[in-house]
Structures are given as C-alpha cells and as structure tokens.
Amino acid sequence: MLLRRLEKVHSQREQGRRARQRAEVPTVSLVGYTNA
C-alpha cells in the first residue's frame, strides 16, 4: 500500500518536472553530508 502511494507521489512530481522543462526552468538540488 505504501509503495502504491509513493508511486503516485512520484508520478505527480514527474508531471511538475515536465512542466518546469517546458517552461525552461532548471532545477538545482542541494546535496551533501548531514549538518553541512
């Protein structure tokens, strides 16, 4: 059940990413060690 819900979240975020790509708005992600 949790996997089904998370898959729905994944598809929703994928739609948001496609909308940003159409608008040519790049995505920048912050990554790093905890407490950096």
PDB file of all heavy atoms in Angstrom:
ATOM      1  N   MET A   1       0.819  -1.198   0.000  1.00  0.00           N
ATOM      2  CA  MET A   1       0.000   0.000   0.000  1.00  0.00           C
ATOM      3  C   MET A   1       0.861   1.260   0.000  1.00  0.00           C
ATOM      4  O   MET A   1       0.589   2.227  -0.738  1.00  0.00           O
ATOM      5  CB  MET A   1      -0.929  -0.022   1.218  1.00  0.00           C
ATOM      6  CG  MET A   1      -1.934   1.134   1.264  1.00  0.00           C
ATOM      7  SD  MET A   1      -1.277   2.608   2.130  1.00  0.00           S
ATOM      8  CE  MET A   1      -1.198   1.955   3.793  1.00  0.00           C
ATOM      9  N   LEU A   2       1.928   1.264   0.803  1.00  0.00           N
ATOM     10  CA  LEU A   2       2.827   2.415   0.846  1.00  0.00           C
ATOM     11  C   LEU A   2       3.533   2.611  -0.491  1.00  0.00           C
ATOM     12  O   LEU A   2       3.723   3.748  -0.949  1.00  0.00           O
ATOM     13  CB  LEU A   2       3.861   2.235   1.961  1.00  0.00           C
ATOM     14  CG  LEU A   2       3.334   2.291   3.394  1.00  0.00           C
ATOM     15  CD1 LEU A   2       4.449   1.941   4.384  1.00  0.00           C
ATOM     16  CD2 LEU A   2       2.764   3.662   3.719  1.00  0.00           C
ATOM     17  N   LEU A   3       3.924   1.520  -1.132  1.00  0.00           N
ATOM     18  CA  LEU A   3       4.577   1.624  -2.432  1.00  0.00           C
ATOM     19  C   LEU A   3       3.632   2.215  -3.476  1.00  0.00           C
ATOM     20  O   LEU A   3       4.063   3.011  -4.326  1.00  0.00           O
ATOM     21  CB  LEU A   3       5.076   0.247  -2.884  1.00  0.00           C
ATOM     22  CG  LEU A   3       6.295  -0.311  -2.129  1.00  0.00           C
ATOM     23  CD1 LEU A   3       6.590  -1.736  -2.557  1.00  0.00           C
ATOM     24  CD2 LEU A   3       7.513   0.575  -2.358  1.00  0.00           C
ATOM     25  N   ARG A   4       2.364   1.856  -3.423  1.00  0.00           N
ATOM     26  CA  ARG A   4       1.390   2.432  -4.364  1.00  0.00           C
ATOM     27  C   ARG A   4       1.247   3.930  -4.136  1.00  0.00           C
ATOM     28  O   ARG A   4       1.188   4.716  -5.090  1.00  0.00           O
ATOM     29  CB  ARG A   4       0.034   1.726  -4.219  1.00  0.00           C
ATOM     30  CG  ARG A   4      -0.008   0.324  -4.789  1.00  0.00           C
ATOM     31  CD  ARG A   4      -1.437  -0.153  -4.965  1.00  0.00           C
ATOM     32  NE  ARG A   4      -2.163  -0.176  -3.699  1.00  0.00           N
ATOM     33  CZ  ARG A   4      -2.239  -1.248  -2.903  1.00  0.00           C
ATOM     34  NH1 ARG A   4      -1.622  -2.375  -3.248  1.00  0.00           N
ATOM     35  NH2 ARG A   4      -2.927  -1.193  -1.771  1.00  0.00           N
ATOM     36  N   ARG A   5       1.163   4.361  -2.861  1.00  0.00           N
ATOM     37  CA  ARG A   5       1.033   5.787  -2.572  1.00  0.00           C
ATOM     38  C   ARG A   5       2.272   6.565  -3.014  1.00  0.00           C
ATOM     39  O   ARG A   5       2.161   7.660  -3.580  1.00  0.00           O
ATOM     40  CB  ARG A   5       0.800   5.988  -1.080  1.00  0.00           C
ATOM     41  CG  ARG A   5      -0.573   5.522  -0.594  1.00  0.00           C
ATOM     42  CD  ARG A   5      -0.799   5.908   0.844  1.00  0.00           C
ATOM     43  NE  ARG A   5      -2.115   5.516   1.335  1.00  0.00           N
ATOM     44  CZ  ARG A   5      -2.555   5.743   2.573  1.00  0.00           C
ATOM     45  NH1 ARG A   5      -1.763   6.399   3.444  1.00  0.00           N
ATOM     46  NH2 ARG A   5      -3.759   5.346   2.948  1.00  0.00           N
ATOM     47  N   LEU A   6       3.455   6.004  -2.759  1.00  0.00           N
ATOM     48  CA  LEU A   6       4.680   6.686  -3.154  1.00  0.00           C
ATOM     49  C   LEU A   6       4.841   6.730  -4.668  1.00  0.00           C
ATOM     50  O   LEU A   6       5.414   7.677  -5.208  1.00  0.00           O
ATOM     51  CB  LEU A   6       5.889   6.010  -2.504  1.00  0.00           C
ATOM     52  CG  LEU A   6       6.040   6.225  -0.996  1.00  0.00           C
ATOM     53  CD1 LEU A   6       7.181   5.395  -0.437  1.00  0.00           C
ATOM     54  CD2 LEU A   6       6.276   7.698  -0.687  1.00  0.00           C
ATOM     55  N   GLU A   7       4.354   5.712  -5.354  1.00  0.00           N
ATOM     56  CA  GLU A   7       4.386   5.730  -6.809  1.00  0.00           C
ATOM     57  C   GLU A   7       3.498   6.848  -7.357  1.00  0.00           C
ATOM     58  O   GLU A   7       3.838   7.492  -8.344  1.00  0.00           O
ATOM     59  CB  GLU A   7       3.943   4.376  -7.364  1.00  0.00           C
ATOM     60  CG  GLU A   7       4.149   4.221  -8.861  1.00  0.00           C
ATOM     61  CD  GLU A   7       5.611   4.323  -9.259  1.00  0.00           C
ATOM     62  OE1 GLU A   7       6.475   3.864  -8.478  1.00  0.00           O
ATOM     63  OE2 GLU A   7       5.878   4.861 -10.357  1.00  0.00           O
ATOM     64  N   LYS A   8       2.374   7.097  -6.699  1.00  0.00           N
ATOM     65  CA  LYS A   8       1.511   8.205  -7.085  1.00  0.00           C
ATOM     66  C   LYS A   8       2.224   9.540  -6.867  1.00  0.00           C
ATOM     67  O   LYS A   8       2.136  10.459  -7.704  1.00  0.00           O
ATOM     68  CB  LYS A   8       0.206   8.153  -6.289  1.00  0.00           C
ATOM     69  CG  LYS A   8      -0.811   9.207  -6.697  1.00  0.00           C
ATOM     70  CD  LYS A   8      -2.105   9.053  -5.909  1.00  0.00           C
ATOM     71  CE  LYS A   8      -3.127  10.118  -6.323  1.00  0.00           C
ATOM     72  NZ  LYS A   8      -4.396   9.990  -5.551  1.00  0.00           N
ATOM     73  N   VAL A   9       2.932   9.665  -5.743  1.00  0.00           N
ATOM     74  CA  VAL A   9       3.709  10.872  -5.482  1.00  0.00           C
ATOM     75  C   VAL A   9       4.777  11.056  -6.551  1.00  0.00           C
ATOM     76  O   VAL A   9       5.014  12.165  -7.040  1.00  0.00           O
ATOM     77  CB  VAL A   9       4.338  10.813  -4.079  1.00  0.00           C
ATOM     78  CG1 VAL A   9       5.311  11.968  -3.880  1.00  0.00           C
ATOM     79  CG2 VAL A   9       3.269  10.838  -3.004  1.00  0.00           C
ATOM     80  N   HIS A  10       5.426   9.952  -6.911  1.00  0.00           N
ATOM     81  CA  HIS A  10       6.462  10.012  -7.938  1.00  0.00           C
ATOM     82  C   HIS A  10       5.901  10.507  -9.270  1.00  0.00           C
ATOM     83  O   HIS A  10       6.522  11.338  -9.938  1.00  0.00           O
ATOM     84  CB  HIS A  10       7.082   8.624  -8.110  1.00  0.00           C
ATOM     85  CG  HIS A  10       8.102   8.541  -9.199  1.00  0.00           C
ATOM     86  ND1 HIS A  10       9.364   9.081  -9.090  1.00  0.00           N
ATOM     87  CD2 HIS A  10       8.040   7.994 -10.444  1.00  0.00           C
ATOM     88  CE1 HIS A  10      10.030   8.867 -10.215  1.00  0.00           C
ATOM     89  NE2 HIS A  10       9.249   8.225 -11.048  1.00  0.00           N
ATOM     90  N   SER A  11       4.729  10.022  -9.655  1.00  0.00           N
ATOM     91  CA  SER A  11       4.125  10.460 -10.914  1.00  0.00           C
ATOM     92  C   SER A  11       3.726  11.930 -10.865  1.00  0.00           C
ATOM     93  O   SER A  11       3.872  12.663 -11.854  1.00  0.00           O
ATOM     94  CB  SER A  11       2.915   9.585 -11.241  1.00  0.00           C
ATOM     95  OG  SER A  11       1.923   9.690 -10.282  1.00  0.00           O
ATOM     96  N   GLN A  12       3.216  12.396  -9.706  1.00  0.00           N
ATOM     97  CA  GLN A  12       2.862  13.799  -9.565  1.00  0.00           C
ATOM     98  C   GLN A  12       4.088  14.704  -9.700  1.00  0.00           C
ATOM     99  O   GLN A  12       4.045  15.746 -10.355  1.00  0.00           O
ATOM    100  CB  GLN A  12       2.164  14.032  -8.230  1.00  0.00           C
ATOM    101  CG  GLN A  12       0.777  13.412  -8.131  1.00  0.00           C
ATOM    102  CD  GLN A  12       0.194  13.507  -6.733  1.00  0.00           C
ATOM    103  OE1 GLN A  12       0.896  13.800  -5.774  1.00  0.00           O
ATOM    104  NE2 GLN A  12      -1.110  13.261  -6.604  1.00  0.00           N
ATOM    105  N   ARG A  13       5.192  14.314  -9.056  1.00  0.00           N
ATOM    106  CA  ARG A  13       6.407  15.113  -9.168  1.00  0.00           C
ATOM    107  C   ARG A  13       6.988  15.074 -10.572  1.00  0.00           C
ATOM    108  O   ARG A  13       7.588  16.046 -11.040  1.00  0.00           O
ATOM    109  CB  ARG A  13       7.430  14.626  -8.138  1.00  0.00           C
ATOM    110  CG  ARG A  13       7.032  14.918  -6.705  1.00  0.00           C
ATOM    111  CD  ARG A  13       8.107  14.535  -5.724  1.00  0.00           C
ATOM    112  NE  ARG A  13       7.752  14.944  -4.370  1.00  0.00           N
ATOM    113  CZ  ARG A  13       8.498  14.724  -3.298  1.00  0.00           C
ATOM    114  NH1 ARG A  13       9.656  14.102  -3.433  1.00  0.00           N
ATOM    115  NH2 ARG A  13       8.095  15.126  -2.101  1.00  0.00           N
ATOM    116  N   GLU A  14       6.805  13.948 -11.251  1.00  0.00           N
ATOM    117  CA  GLU A  14       7.267  13.856 -12.619  1.00  0.00           C
ATOM    118  C   GLU A  14       6.504  14.843 -13.508  1.00  0.00           C
ATOM    119  O   GLU A  14       7.089  15.459 -14.406  1.00  0.00           O
ATOM    120  CB  GLU A  14       7.103  12.431 -13.133  1.00  0.00           C
ATOM    121  CG  GLU A  14       7.656  12.188 -14.523  1.00  0.00           C
ATOM    122  CD  GLU A  14       9.149  12.391 -14.609  1.00  0.00           C
ATOM    123  OE1 GLU A  14       9.845  12.152 -13.594  1.00  0.00           O
ATOM    124  OE2 GLU A  14       9.615  12.808 -15.676  1.00  0.00           O
ATOM    125  N   GLN A  15       5.208  15.006 -13.264  1.00  0.00           N
ATOM    126  CA  GLN A  15       4.432  15.992 -14.001  1.00  0.00           C
ATOM    127  C   GLN A  15       4.949  17.408 -13.749  1.00  0.00           C
ATOM    128  O   GLN A  15       5.040  18.224 -14.664  1.00  0.00           O
ATOM    129  CB  GLN A  15       2.957  15.891 -13.617  1.00  0.00           C
ATOM    130  CG  GLN A  15       2.269  14.612 -14.079  1.00  0.00           C
ATOM    131  CD  GLN A  15       0.837  14.521 -13.588  1.00  0.00           C
ATOM    132  OE1 GLN A  15       0.345  15.420 -12.908  1.00  0.00           O
ATOM    133  NE2 GLN A  15       0.165  13.435 -13.923  1.00  0.00           N
ATOM    134  N   GLY A  16       5.285  17.712 -12.484  1.00  0.00           N
ATOM    135  CA  GLY A  16       5.843  19.020 -12.165  1.00  0.00           C
ATOM    136  C   GLY A  16       7.172  19.258 -12.864  1.00  0.00           C
ATOM    137  O   GLY A  16       7.449  20.367 -13.339  1.00  0.00           O
ATOM    138  N   ARG A  17       8.009  18.210 -12.931  1.00  0.00           N
ATOM    139  CA  ARG A  17       9.296  18.339 -13.624  1.00  0.00           C
ATOM    140  C   ARG A  17       9.098  18.600 -15.112  1.00  0.00           C
ATOM    141  O   ARG A  17       9.812  19.419 -15.713  1.00  0.00           O
ATOM    142  CB  ARG A  17      10.150  17.089 -13.405  1.00  0.00           C
ATOM    143  CG  ARG A  17      10.970  17.117 -12.140  1.00  0.00           C
ATOM    144  CD  ARG A  17      11.954  15.972 -12.088  1.00  0.00           C
ATOM    145  NE  ARG A  17      11.301  14.734 -11.845  1.00  0.00           N
ATOM    146  CZ  ARG A  17      11.061  14.181 -10.676  1.00  0.00           C
ATOM    147  NH1 ARG A  17      11.409  14.764  -9.639  1.00  0.00           N
ATOM    148  NH2 ARG A  17      10.468  13.045 -10.530  1.00  0.00           N
ATOM    149  N   ARG A  18       8.146  17.908 -15.733  1.00  0.00           N
ATOM    150  CA  ARG A  18       7.888  18.133 -17.156  1.00  0.00           C
ATOM    151  C   ARG A  18       7.382  19.556 -17.401  1.00  0.00           C
ATOM    152  O   ARG A  18       7.745  20.176 -18.413  1.00  0.00           O
ATOM    153  CB  ARG A  18       6.880  17.104 -17.678  1.00  0.00           C
ATOM    154  CG  ARG A  18       7.460  15.706 -17.823  1.00  0.00           C
ATOM    155  CD  ARG A  18       6.569  14.851 -18.707  1.00  0.00           C
ATOM    156  NE  ARG A  18       5.256  14.635 -18.116  1.00  0.00           N
ATOM    157  CZ  ARG A  18       4.914  13.598 -17.377  1.00  0.00           C
ATOM    158  NH1 ARG A  18       5.830  12.653 -17.107  1.00  0.00           N
ATOM    159  NH2 ARG A  18       3.704  13.464 -16.888  1.00  0.00           N
ATOM    160  N   ALA A  19       6.566  20.079 -16.474  1.00  0.00           N
ATOM    161  CA  ALA A  19       6.088  21.456 -16.615  1.00  0.00           C
ATOM    162  C   ALA A  19       7.246  22.446 -16.521  1.00  0.00           C
ATOM    163  O   ALA A  19       7.299  23.431 -17.269  1.00  0.00           O
ATOM    164  CB  ALA A  19       5.032  21.758 -15.556  1.00  0.00           C
ATOM    165  N   ARG A  20       8.188  22.202 -15.610  1.00  0.00           N
ATOM    166  CA  ARG A  20       9.353  23.088 -15.496  1.00  0.00           C
ATOM    167  C   ARG A  20      10.238  22.996 -16.731  1.00  0.00           C
ATOM    168  O   ARG A  20      10.807  24.000 -17.172  1.00  0.00           O
ATOM    169  CB  ARG A  20      10.160  22.739 -14.239  1.00  0.00           C
ATOM    170  CG  ARG A  20       9.450  23.061 -12.936  1.00  0.00           C
ATOM    171  CD  ARG A  20      10.416  23.040 -11.769  1.00  0.00           C
ATOM    172  NE  ARG A  20      10.986  21.729 -11.538  1.00  0.00           N
ATOM    173  CZ  ARG A  20      10.471  20.800 -10.752  1.00  0.00           C
ATOM    174  NH1 ARG A  20       9.338  21.054 -10.104  1.00  0.00           N
ATOM    175  NH2 ARG A  20      11.051  19.632 -10.573  1.00  0.00           N
ATOM    176  N   GLN A  21      10.342  21.796 -17.317  1.00  0.00           N
ATOM    177  CA  GLN A  21      11.138  21.648 -18.522  1.00  0.00           C
ATOM    178  C   GLN A  21      10.512  22.405 -19.687  1.00  0.00           C
ATOM    179  O   GLN A  21      11.226  23.023 -20.480  1.00  0.00           O
ATOM    180  CB  GLN A  21      11.295  20.165 -18.861  1.00  0.00           C
ATOM    181  CG  GLN A  21      12.198  19.401 -17.893  1.00  0.00           C
ATOM    182  CD  GLN A  21      12.218  17.911 -18.172  1.00  0.00           C
ATOM    183  OE1 GLN A  21      11.499  17.407 -19.033  1.00  0.00           O
ATOM    184  NE2 GLN A  21      13.053  17.180 -17.433  1.00  0.00           N
ATOM    185  N   ARG A  22       9.189  22.359 -19.794  1.00  0.00           N
ATOM    186  CA  ARG A  22       8.521  23.098 -20.863  1.00  0.00           C
ATOM    187  C   ARG A  22       8.707  24.603 -20.679  1.00  0.00           C
ATOM    188  O   ARG A  22       8.817  25.341 -21.669  1.00  0.00           O
ATOM    189  CB  ARG A  22       7.029  22.753 -20.902  1.00  0.00           C
ATOM    190  CG  ARG A  22       6.724  21.354 -21.414  1.00  0.00           C
ATOM    191  CD  ARG A  22       5.252  21.190 -21.723  1.00  0.00           C
ATOM    192  NE  ARG A  22       4.426  21.370 -20.538  1.00  0.00           N
ATOM    193  CZ  ARG A  22       4.033  20.373 -19.736  1.00  0.00           C
ATOM    194  NH1 ARG A  22       4.422  19.125 -19.993  1.00  0.00           N
ATOM    195  NH2 ARG A  22       3.274  20.626 -18.684  1.00  0.00           N
ATOM    196  N   ALA A  23       8.728  25.052 -19.436  1.00  0.00           N
ATOM    197  CA  ALA A  23       8.935  26.470 -19.161  1.00  0.00           C
ATOM    198  C   ALA A  23      10.414  26.843 -19.149  1.00  0.00           C
ATOM    199  O   ALA A  23      10.741  28.018 -18.920  1.00  0.00           O
ATOM    200  CB  ALA A  23       8.301  26.848 -17.831  1.00  0.00           C
ATOM    201  N   GLU A  24      11.284  25.858 -19.409  1.00  0.00           N
ATOM    202  CA  GLU A  24      12.728  26.065 -19.416  1.00  0.00           C
ATOM    203  C   GLU A  24      13.235  26.644 -18.097  1.00  0.00           C
ATOM    204  O   GLU A  24      14.079  27.541 -18.067  1.00  0.00           O
ATOM    205  CB  GLU A  24      13.144  26.958 -20.593  1.00  0.00           C
ATOM    206  CG  GLU A  24      12.843  26.379 -21.958  1.00  0.00           C
ATOM    207  CD  GLU A  24      13.345  27.246 -23.089  1.00  0.00           C
ATOM    208  OE1 GLU A  24      13.730  28.400 -22.821  1.00  0.00           O
ATOM    209  OE2 GLU A  24      13.377  26.767 -24.237  1.00  0.00           O
ATOM    210  N   VAL A  25      12.692  26.118 -16.997  1.00  0.00           N
ATOM    211  CA  VAL A  25      13.145  26.494 -15.662  1.00  0.00           C
ATOM    212  C   VAL A  25      14.005  25.361 -15.118  1.00  0.00           C
ATOM    213  O   VAL A  25      13.498  24.273 -14.844  1.00  0.00           O
ATOM    214  CB  VAL A  25      11.960  26.770 -14.716  1.00  0.00           C
ATOM    215  CG1 VAL A  25      12.467  27.112 -13.315  1.00  0.00           C
ATOM    216  CG2 VAL A  25      11.095  27.888 -15.262  1.00  0.00           C
ATOM    217  N   PRO A  26      15.310  25.560 -14.964  1.00  0.00           N
ATOM    218  CA  PRO A  26      16.174  24.477 -14.493  1.00  0.00           C
ATOM    219  C   PRO A  26      15.969  24.179 -13.012  1.00  0.00           C
ATOM    220  O   PRO A  26      15.527  25.036 -12.240  1.00  0.00           O
ATOM    221  CB  PRO A  26      17.581  25.024 -14.762  1.00  0.00           C
ATOM    222  CG  PRO A  26      17.421  26.503 -14.708  1.00  0.00           C
ATOM    223  CD  PRO A  26      16.038  26.803 -15.233  1.00  0.00           C
ATOM    224  N   THR A  27      16.310  22.962 -12.622  1.00  0.00           N
ATOM    225  CA  THR A  27      16.225  22.530 -11.234  1.00  0.00           C
ATOM    226  C   THR A  27      17.632  22.310 -10.686  1.00  0.00           C
ATOM    227  O   THR A  27      18.447  21.625 -11.299  1.00  0.00           O
ATOM    228  CB  THR A  27      15.417  21.226 -11.107  1.00  0.00           C
ATOM    229  OG1 THR A  27      14.100  21.441 -11.615  1.00  0.00           O
ATOM    230  CG2 THR A  27      15.320  20.796  -9.655  1.00  0.00           C
ATOM    231  N   VAL A  28      17.891  22.907  -9.532  1.00  0.00           N
ATOM    232  CA  VAL A  28      19.170  22.774  -8.839  1.00  0.00           C
ATOM    233  C   VAL A  28      18.904  22.146  -7.481  1.00  0.00           C
ATOM    234  O   VAL A  28      18.058  22.629  -6.725  1.00  0.00           O
ATOM    235  CB  VAL A  28      19.876  24.131  -8.684  1.00  0.00           C
ATOM    236  CG1 VAL A  28      21.201  23.971  -7.951  1.00  0.00           C
ATOM    237  CG2 VAL A  28      20.094  24.775 -10.050  1.00  0.00           C
ATOM    238  N   SER A  29      19.611  21.066  -7.149  1.00  0.00           N
ATOM    239  CA  SER A  29      19.392  20.363  -5.893  1.00  0.00           C
ATOM    240  C   SER A  29      20.609  20.503  -4.991  1.00  0.00           C
ATOM    241  O   SER A  29      21.755  20.398  -5.442  1.00  0.00           O
ATOM    242  CB  SER A  29      19.106  18.875  -6.142  1.00  0.00           C
ATOM    243  OG  SER A  29      17.861  18.695  -6.754  1.00  0.00           O
ATOM    244  N   LEU A  30      20.332  20.735  -3.713  1.00  0.00           N
ATOM    245  CA  LEU A  30      21.371  20.761  -2.691  1.00  0.00           C
ATOM    246  C   LEU A  30      21.583  19.353  -2.151  1.00  0.00           C
ATOM    247  O   LEU A  30      20.630  18.715  -1.690  1.00  0.00           O
ATOM    248  CB  LEU A  30      20.987  21.696  -1.547  1.00  0.00           C
ATOM    249  CG  LEU A  30      20.892  23.196  -1.868  1.00  0.00           C
ATOM    250  CD1 LEU A  30      20.283  23.941  -0.691  1.00  0.00           C
ATOM    251  CD2 LEU A  30      22.245  23.768  -2.205  1.00  0.00           C
ATOM    252  N   VAL A  31      22.793  18.859  -2.205  1.00  0.00           N
ATOM    253  CA  VAL A  31      23.135  17.564  -1.627  1.00  0.00           C
ATOM    254  C   VAL A  31      24.363  17.754  -0.756  1.00  0.00           C
ATOM    255  O   VAL A  31      25.091  18.739  -0.879  1.00  0.00           O
ATOM    256  CB  VAL A  31      23.405  16.496  -2.710  1.00  0.00           C
ATOM    257  CG1 VAL A  31      22.169  16.234  -3.543  1.00  0.00           C
ATOM    258  CG2 VAL A  31      24.567  16.893  -3.617  1.00  0.00           C
ATOM    259  N   GLY A  32      24.573  16.805   0.128  1.00  0.00           N
ATOM    260  CA  GLY A  32      25.736  16.893   0.996  1.00  0.00           C
ATOM    261  C   GLY A  32      25.550  16.084   2.257  1.00  0.00           C
ATOM    262  O   GLY A  32      24.477  15.514   2.513  1.00  0.00           O
ATOM    263  N   TYR A  33      26.606  16.020   3.047  1.00  0.00           N
ATOM    264  CA  TYR A  33      26.576  15.304   4.306  1.00  0.00           C
ATOM    265  C   TYR A  33      25.661  16.036   5.279  1.00  0.00           C
ATOM    266  O   TYR A  33      25.467  17.247   5.179  1.00  0.00           O
ATOM    267  CB  TYR A  33      27.985  15.191   4.876  1.00  0.00           C
ATOM    268  CG  TYR A  33      28.207  13.982   5.745  1.00  0.00           C
ATOM    269  CD1 TYR A  33      28.341  12.718   5.181  1.00  0.00           C
ATOM    270  CD2 TYR A  33      28.303  14.086   7.123  1.00  0.00           C
ATOM    271  CE1 TYR A  33      28.555  11.605   5.967  1.00  0.00           C
ATOM    272  CE2 TYR A  33      28.517  12.986   7.917  1.00  0.00           C
ATOM    273  CZ  TYR A  33      28.632  11.736   7.336  1.00  0.00           C
ATOM    274  OH  TYR A  33      28.836  10.626   8.126  1.00  0.00           O
ATOM    275  N   THR A  34      25.081  15.286   6.188  1.00  0.00           N
ATOM    276  CA  THR A  34      24.194  15.901   7.158  1.00  0.00           C
ATOM    277  C   THR A  34      24.921  16.936   8.002  1.00  0.00           C
ATOM    278  O   THR A  34      26.095  16.774   8.348  1.00  0.00           O
ATOM    279  CB  THR A  34      23.558  14.827   8.063  1.00  0.00           C
ATOM    280  OG1 THR A  34      22.684  15.434   9.016  1.00  0.00           O
ATOM    281  CG2 THR A  34      24.632  14.018   8.794  1.00  0.00           C
ATOM    282  N   ASN A  35      24.235  18.029   8.303  1.00  0.00           N
ATOM    283  CA  ASN A  35      24.751  19.139   9.099  1.00  0.00           C
ATOM    284  C   ASN A  35      25.880  19.886   8.399  1.00  0.00           C
ATOM    285  O   ASN A  35      26.737  20.484   9.050  1.00  0.00           O
ATOM    286  CB  ASN A  35      25.219  18.667  10.485  1.00  0.00           C
ATOM    287  CG  ASN A  35      25.196  19.780  11.527  1.00  0.00           C
ATOM    288  OD1 ASN A  35      24.409  20.713  11.418  1.00  0.00           O
ATOM    289  ND2 ASN A  35      26.064  19.694  12.524  1.00  0.00           N
ATOM    290  N   ALA A  36      25.866  19.887   7.067  1.00  0.00           N
ATOM    291  CA  ALA A  36      26.863  20.649   6.309  1.00  0.00           C
ATOM    292  C   ALA A  36      26.420  22.088   6.074  1.00  0.00           C
ATOM    293  O   ALA A  36      27.217  22.902   5.598  1.00  0.00           O
ATOM    294  CB  ALA A  36      27.167  19.976   4.971  1.00  0.00           C
TER     295      ALA A  36
END
